[in-house]
Amino acid sequence: MRKFYLALLLMISATIVILPSVKAVSESNEKHQQLTVSEQGYSLSLPNEYTLQKEEDGKDILFSTKTPYTWMRIEVLSGKESTSKSYLDHSKELFDDQFGKSLKISSTSLFIQPVVFASISGSKKETAKLYVLRETKGHPPLKITMVTAKNSDDEKKLISIVNSVKTHE
């Protein structure tokens, strides 16, 4: 499954096409970021080095155009899903199937929203993390699958992008 996602990311990065489901609303010259809106009902501030596209219903994928192995899947959840033990167990099981046995992450203080669940796995080339974030005022409940190259500083950039996710009105 991981090979499929890597092939998909390489194919997407080669074409760099923004699908109609995700569009840039405005651009900030100061930080070279654009406000991007998803069909999932949220908006986020996206640095120019990242591209956001619809992956499948209910899921968007964000990837770096500069750093190989850096991508993130964003799923908006229902409020019940974000706290359901059966949903969290199933999510961890799927994550483990895709990335290998994972361990619980204890430090998640960089997120604005409360983290309900966090897990980490990895290989020699990449680190994968799964986060489930609780809904807060103006921020939808999210399931985030984040993959970065080993020893990369991309995780902080991706968390900053997640922190910019707001319910779009």
C-alpha atoms as a PDB file:
ATOM      1  CA  MET A   1       0.000   0.000   0.000  1.00  0.00           C
ATOM      2  CA  ARG A   2       2.876   2.374   0.831  1.00  0.00           C
ATOM      3  CA  LYS A   3       4.372   1.809  -2.626  1.00  0.00           C
ATOM      4  CA  PHE A   4       1.027   2.800  -4.131  1.00  0.00           C
ATOM      5  CA  TYR A   5       1.018   6.119  -2.245  1.00  0.00           C
ATOM      6  CA  LEU A   6       4.636   6.857  -3.148  1.00  0.00           C
ATOM      7  CA  ALA A   7       3.915   6.124  -6.812  1.00  0.00           C
ATOM      8  CA  LEU A   8       0.793   8.299  -6.604  1.00  0.00           C
ATOM      9  CA  LEU A   9       2.761  11.158  -5.069  1.00  0.00           C
ATOM     10  CA  LEU A  10       5.475  10.921  -7.703  1.00  0.00           C
ATOM     11  CA  MET A  11       2.867  10.912 -10.443  1.00  0.00           C
ATOM     12  CA  ILE A  12       1.044  13.881  -8.927  1.00  0.00           C
ATOM     13  CA  SER A  13       4.244  15.860  -8.352  1.00  0.00           C
ATOM     14  CA  ALA A  14       5.273  15.285 -11.966  1.00  0.00           C
ATOM     15  CA  THR A  15       2.033  16.791 -13.278  1.00  0.00           C
ATOM     16  CA  ILE A  16       1.304  19.327 -10.505  1.00  0.00           C
ATOM     17  CA  VAL A  17      -2.338  19.814 -11.363  1.00  0.00           C
ATOM     18  CA  ILE A  18      -4.743  21.356  -8.876  1.00  0.00           C
ATOM     19  CA  LEU A  19      -8.066  19.628  -9.177  1.00  0.00           C
ATOM     20  CA  PRO A  20     -11.238  21.738  -9.183  1.00  0.00           C
ATOM     21  CA  SER A  21     -12.177  20.463  -5.712  1.00  0.00           C
ATOM     22  CA  VAL A  22      -9.385  22.472  -4.106  1.00  0.00           C
ATOM     23  CA  LYS A  23      -8.874  26.089  -5.087  1.00  0.00           C
ATOM     24  CA  ALA A  24      -6.750  29.028  -4.060  1.00  0.00           C
ATOM     25  CA  VAL A  25      -8.858  31.901  -2.790  1.00  0.00           C
ATOM     26  CA  SER A  26      -6.215  34.572  -2.225  1.00  0.00           C
ATOM     27  CA  GLU A  27      -2.457  34.908  -2.041  1.00  0.00           C
ATOM     28  CA  SER A  28      -0.361  36.660   0.578  1.00  0.00           C
ATOM     29  CA  ASN A  29       2.812  38.302  -0.747  1.00  0.00           C
ATOM     30  CA  GLU A  30       4.288  38.515   2.749  1.00  0.00           C
ATOM     31  CA  LYS A  31       4.629  34.823   3.484  1.00  0.00           C
ATOM     32  CA  HIS A  32       4.120  33.367   0.003  1.00  0.00           C
ATOM     33  CA  GLN A  33       1.083  31.465   1.210  1.00  0.00           C
ATOM     34  CA  GLN A  34      -2.346  31.112  -0.245  1.00  0.00           C
ATOM     35  CA  LEU A  35      -5.687  30.515   1.398  1.00  0.00           C
ATOM     36  CA  THR A  36      -6.943  27.235  -0.047  1.00  0.00           C
ATOM     37  CA  VAL A  37     -10.486  25.852   0.257  1.00  0.00           C
ATOM     38  CA  SER A  38     -11.396  22.157   0.182  1.00  0.00           C
ATOM     39  CA  GLU A  39     -14.684  20.479  -0.744  1.00  0.00           C
ATOM     40  CA  GLN A  40     -14.532  18.961   2.741  1.00  0.00           C
ATOM     41  CA  GLY A  41     -15.642  22.306   4.204  1.00  0.00           C
ATOM     42  CA  TYR A  42     -12.371  23.671   5.513  1.00  0.00           C
ATOM     43  CA  SER A  43      -9.812  26.226   4.440  1.00  0.00           C
ATOM     44  CA  LEU A  44      -6.102  26.360   5.202  1.00  0.00           C
ATOM     45  CA  SER A  45      -3.088  28.550   4.653  1.00  0.00           C
ATOM     46  CA  LEU A  46      -0.818  26.744   2.197  1.00  0.00           C
ATOM     47  CA  PRO A  47       2.828  27.713   1.573  1.00  0.00           C
ATOM     48  CA  ASN A  48       3.760  27.770  -2.118  1.00  0.00           C
ATOM     49  CA  GLU A  49       6.017  24.724  -1.763  1.00  0.00           C
ATOM     50  CA  TYR A  50       2.984  22.523  -1.008  1.00  0.00           C
ATOM     51  CA  THR A  51       0.125  21.355  -3.202  1.00  0.00           C
ATOM     52  CA  LEU A  52      -3.290  20.211  -1.921  1.00  0.00           C
ATOM     53  CA  GLN A  53      -5.478  17.903  -3.997  1.00  0.00           C
ATOM     54  CA  LYS A  54      -8.571  15.804  -3.495  1.00  0.00           C
ATOM     55  CA  GLU A  55      -7.472  12.203  -3.010  1.00  0.00           C
ATOM     56  CA  GLU A  56     -10.878  10.558  -2.737  1.00  0.00           C
ATOM     57  CA  ASP A  57     -14.218  11.414  -1.146  1.00  0.00           C
ATOM     58  CA  GLY A  58     -13.617  12.870   2.281  1.00  0.00           C
ATOM     59  CA  LYS A  59      -9.813  12.907   1.926  1.00  0.00           C
ATOM     60  CA  ASP A  60      -7.363  15.456   0.626  1.00  0.00           C
ATOM     61  CA  ILE A  61      -3.660  14.919   0.119  1.00  0.00           C
ATOM     62  CA  LEU A  62      -1.019  17.570   0.564  1.00  0.00           C
ATOM     63  CA  PHE A  63       2.507  17.048  -0.687  1.00  0.00           C
ATOM     64  CA  SER A  64       5.755  18.954  -0.848  1.00  0.00           C
ATOM     65  CA  THR A  65       7.029  19.947  -4.271  1.00  0.00           C
ATOM     66  CA  LYS A  66      10.538  20.300  -2.785  1.00  0.00           C
ATOM     67  CA  THR A  67      11.050  17.370  -0.425  1.00  0.00           C
ATOM     68  CA  PRO A  68      10.610  13.732  -1.479  1.00  0.00           C
ATOM     69  CA  TYR A  69       8.699  11.543   0.998  1.00  0.00           C
ATOM     70  CA  THR A  70       6.836  14.537   2.470  1.00  0.00           C
ATOM     71  CA  TRP A  71       3.057  14.310   2.235  1.00  0.00           C
ATOM     72  CA  MET A  72       0.004  14.500   4.456  1.00  0.00           C
ATOM     73  CA  ARG A  73      -3.564  13.185   4.200  1.00  0.00           C
ATOM     74  CA  ILE A  74      -6.275  15.334   5.748  1.00  0.00           C
ATOM     75  CA  GLU A  75      -9.654  13.819   6.624  1.00  0.00           C
ATOM     76  CA  VAL A  76     -12.469  15.747   8.265  1.00  0.00           C
ATOM     77  CA  LEU A  77     -14.270  13.553  10.794  1.00  0.00           C
ATOM     78  CA  SER A  78     -17.625  13.696  12.474  1.00  0.00           C
ATOM     79  CA  GLY A  79     -17.473  14.709  16.122  1.00  0.00           C
ATOM     80  CA  LYS A  80     -18.370  11.160  17.204  1.00  0.00           C
ATOM     81  CA  GLU A  81     -15.625   9.558  15.091  1.00  0.00           C
ATOM     82  CA  SER A  82     -12.922  11.706  16.624  1.00  0.00           C
ATOM     83  CA  THR A  83     -13.583  10.316  20.106  1.00  0.00           C
ATOM     84  CA  SER A  84     -14.936   6.804  19.437  1.00  0.00           C
ATOM     85  CA  LYS A  85     -12.625   4.086  20.815  1.00  0.00           C
ATOM     86  CA  SER A  86     -13.621   1.668  18.039  1.00  0.00           C
ATOM     87  CA  TYR A  87     -12.815   4.292  15.366  1.00  0.00           C
ATOM     88  CA  LEU A  88      -9.458   5.102  16.974  1.00  0.00           C
ATOM     89  CA  ASP A  89      -8.570   1.391  17.259  1.00  0.00           C
ATOM     90  CA  HIS A  90      -9.521   0.816  13.616  1.00  0.00           C
ATOM     91  CA  SER A  91      -7.506   3.854  12.501  1.00  0.00           C
ATOM     92  CA  LYS A  92      -4.416   2.602  14.344  1.00  0.00           C
ATOM     93  CA  GLU A  93      -4.848  -0.857  12.829  1.00  0.00           C
ATOM     94  CA  LEU A  94      -5.006   0.584   9.287  1.00  0.00           C
ATOM     95  CA  PHE A  95      -2.004   2.818  10.010  1.00  0.00           C
ATOM     96  CA  ASP A  96       0.001  -0.158  11.333  1.00  0.00           C
ATOM     97  CA  ASP A  97      -0.919  -2.194   8.236  1.00  0.00           C
ATOM     98  CA  GLN A  98       0.368   0.571   5.986  1.00  0.00           C
ATOM     99  CA  PHE A  99       3.473   1.743   7.867  1.00  0.00           C
ATOM    100  CA  GLY A 100       4.390  -1.050  10.294  1.00  0.00           C
ATOM    101  CA  LYS A 101       3.872  -1.415  14.033  1.00  0.00           C
ATOM    102  CA  SER A 102       3.454   2.004  15.579  1.00  0.00           C
ATOM    103  CA  LEU A 103       4.081   3.447  19.014  1.00  0.00           C
ATOM    104  CA  LYS A 104       2.081   6.020  20.956  1.00  0.00           C
ATOM    105  CA  ILE A 105       3.338   9.618  20.768  1.00  0.00           C
ATOM    106  CA  SER A 106       3.302  11.431  24.092  1.00  0.00           C
ATOM    107  CA  SER A 107       4.296  14.977  23.053  1.00  0.00           C
ATOM    108  CA  THR A 108       1.765  16.726  20.800  1.00  0.00           C
ATOM    109  CA  SER A 109       1.954  20.254  22.184  1.00  0.00           C
ATOM    110  CA  LEU A 110       2.536  21.967  18.822  1.00  0.00           C
ATOM    111  CA  PHE A 111      -1.090  21.452  17.749  1.00  0.00           C
ATOM    112  CA  ILE A 112      -3.747  24.098  18.449  1.00  0.00           C
ATOM    113  CA  GLN A 113      -6.520  21.491  18.692  1.00  0.00           C
ATOM    114  CA  PRO A 114      -6.514  18.826  21.412  1.00  0.00           C
ATOM    115  CA  VAL A 115      -4.946  15.574  20.180  1.00  0.00           C
ATOM    116  CA  VAL A 116      -7.162  12.578  20.939  1.00  0.00           C
ATOM    117  CA  PHE A 117      -4.778  10.006  19.509  1.00  0.00           C
ATOM    118  CA  ALA A 118      -1.192  10.069  18.182  1.00  0.00           C
ATOM    119  CA  SER A 119       1.011   7.270  16.872  1.00  0.00           C
ATOM    120  CA  ILE A 120       4.392   7.016  15.093  1.00  0.00           C
ATOM    121  CA  SER A 121       6.010   4.467  12.783  1.00  0.00           C
ATOM    122  CA  GLY A 122       8.777   4.608  10.239  1.00  0.00           C
ATOM    123  CA  SER A 123      11.391   3.099   7.994  1.00  0.00           C
ATOM    124  CA  LYS A 124      14.976   3.966   7.067  1.00  0.00           C
ATOM    125  CA  LYS A 125      13.804   6.732   4.718  1.00  0.00           C
ATOM    126  CA  GLU A 126      10.616   8.102   6.282  1.00  0.00           C
ATOM    127  CA  THR A 127       8.696   8.759   9.478  1.00  0.00           C
ATOM    128  CA  ALA A 128       4.914   8.342   9.514  1.00  0.00           C
ATOM    129  CA  LYS A 129       2.625   9.814  12.147  1.00  0.00           C
ATOM    130  CA  LEU A 130      -1.085   9.497  12.733  1.00  0.00           C
ATOM    131  CA  TYR A 131      -2.992  12.197  14.612  1.00  0.00           C
ATOM    132  CA  VAL A 132      -6.674  12.453  15.466  1.00  0.00           C
ATOM    133  CA  LEU A 133      -7.618  15.968  16.547  1.00  0.00           C
ATOM    134  CA  ARG A 134     -10.732  16.946  18.472  1.00  0.00           C
ATOM    135  CA  GLU A 135     -13.058  19.626  17.127  1.00  0.00           C
ATOM    136  CA  THR A 136     -12.725  23.087  18.616  1.00  0.00           C
ATOM    137  CA  LYS A 137     -14.517  26.323  17.808  1.00  0.00           C
ATOM    138  CA  GLY A 138     -13.754  27.129  14.185  1.00  0.00           C
ATOM    139  CA  HIS A 139     -11.637  23.993  13.662  1.00  0.00           C
ATOM    140  CA  PRO A 140     -13.153  20.691  12.427  1.00  0.00           C
ATOM    141  CA  PRO A 141     -12.208  17.306  13.931  1.00  0.00           C
ATOM    142  CA  LEU A 142      -9.388  15.878  11.800  1.00  0.00           C
ATOM    143  CA  LYS A 143      -7.532  12.678  11.098  1.00  0.00           C
ATOM    144  CA  ILE A 144      -4.029  13.496   9.877  1.00  0.00           C
ATOM    145  CA  THR A 145      -1.593  11.011   8.358  1.00  0.00           C
ATOM    146  CA  MET A 146       1.768  12.748   8.060  1.00  0.00           C
ATOM    147  CA  VAL A 147       4.837  11.316   6.300  1.00  0.00           C
ATOM    148  CA  THR A 148       8.204  13.079   6.257  1.00  0.00           C
ATOM    149  CA  ALA A 149      11.727  12.151   5.199  1.00  0.00           C
ATOM    150  CA  LYS A 150      13.915  10.972   8.087  1.00  0.00           C
ATOM    151  CA  ASN A 151      15.778  13.832   9.783  1.00  0.00           C
ATOM    152  CA  SER A 152      13.699  16.439   7.958  1.00  0.00           C
ATOM    153  CA  ASP A 153      12.292  19.633   9.479  1.00  0.00           C
ATOM    154  CA  ASP A 154       9.108  19.299   7.395  1.00  0.00           C
ATOM    155  CA  GLU A 155       7.013  18.101  10.342  1.00  0.00           C
ATOM    156  CA  LYS A 156       6.895  21.570  11.920  1.00  0.00           C
ATOM    157  CA  LYS A 157       5.791  23.052   8.572  1.00  0.00           C
ATOM    158  CA  LEU A 158       3.047  20.424   8.230  1.00  0.00           C
ATOM    159  CA  ILE A 159       1.836  21.013  11.803  1.00  0.00           C
ATOM    160  CA  SER A 160       1.713  24.737  11.048  1.00  0.00           C
ATOM    161  CA  ILE A 161      -0.484  23.964   8.021  1.00  0.00           C
ATOM    162  CA  VAL A 162      -2.753  21.749  10.164  1.00  0.00           C
ATOM    163  CA  ASN A 163      -3.009  24.557  12.714  1.00  0.00           C
ATOM    164  CA  SER A 164      -4.249  26.867   9.939  1.00  0.00           C
ATOM    165  CA  VAL A 165      -7.189  24.552   9.084  1.00  0.00           C
ATOM    166  CA  LYS A 166     -10.449  26.332   9.813  1.00  0.00           C
ATOM    167  CA  THR A 167     -14.064  25.452   9.173  1.00  0.00           C
ATOM    168  CA  HIS A 168     -14.882  27.277   5.948  1.00  0.00           C
ATOM    169  CA  GLU A 169     -18.063  29.304   5.913  1.00  0.00           C
END
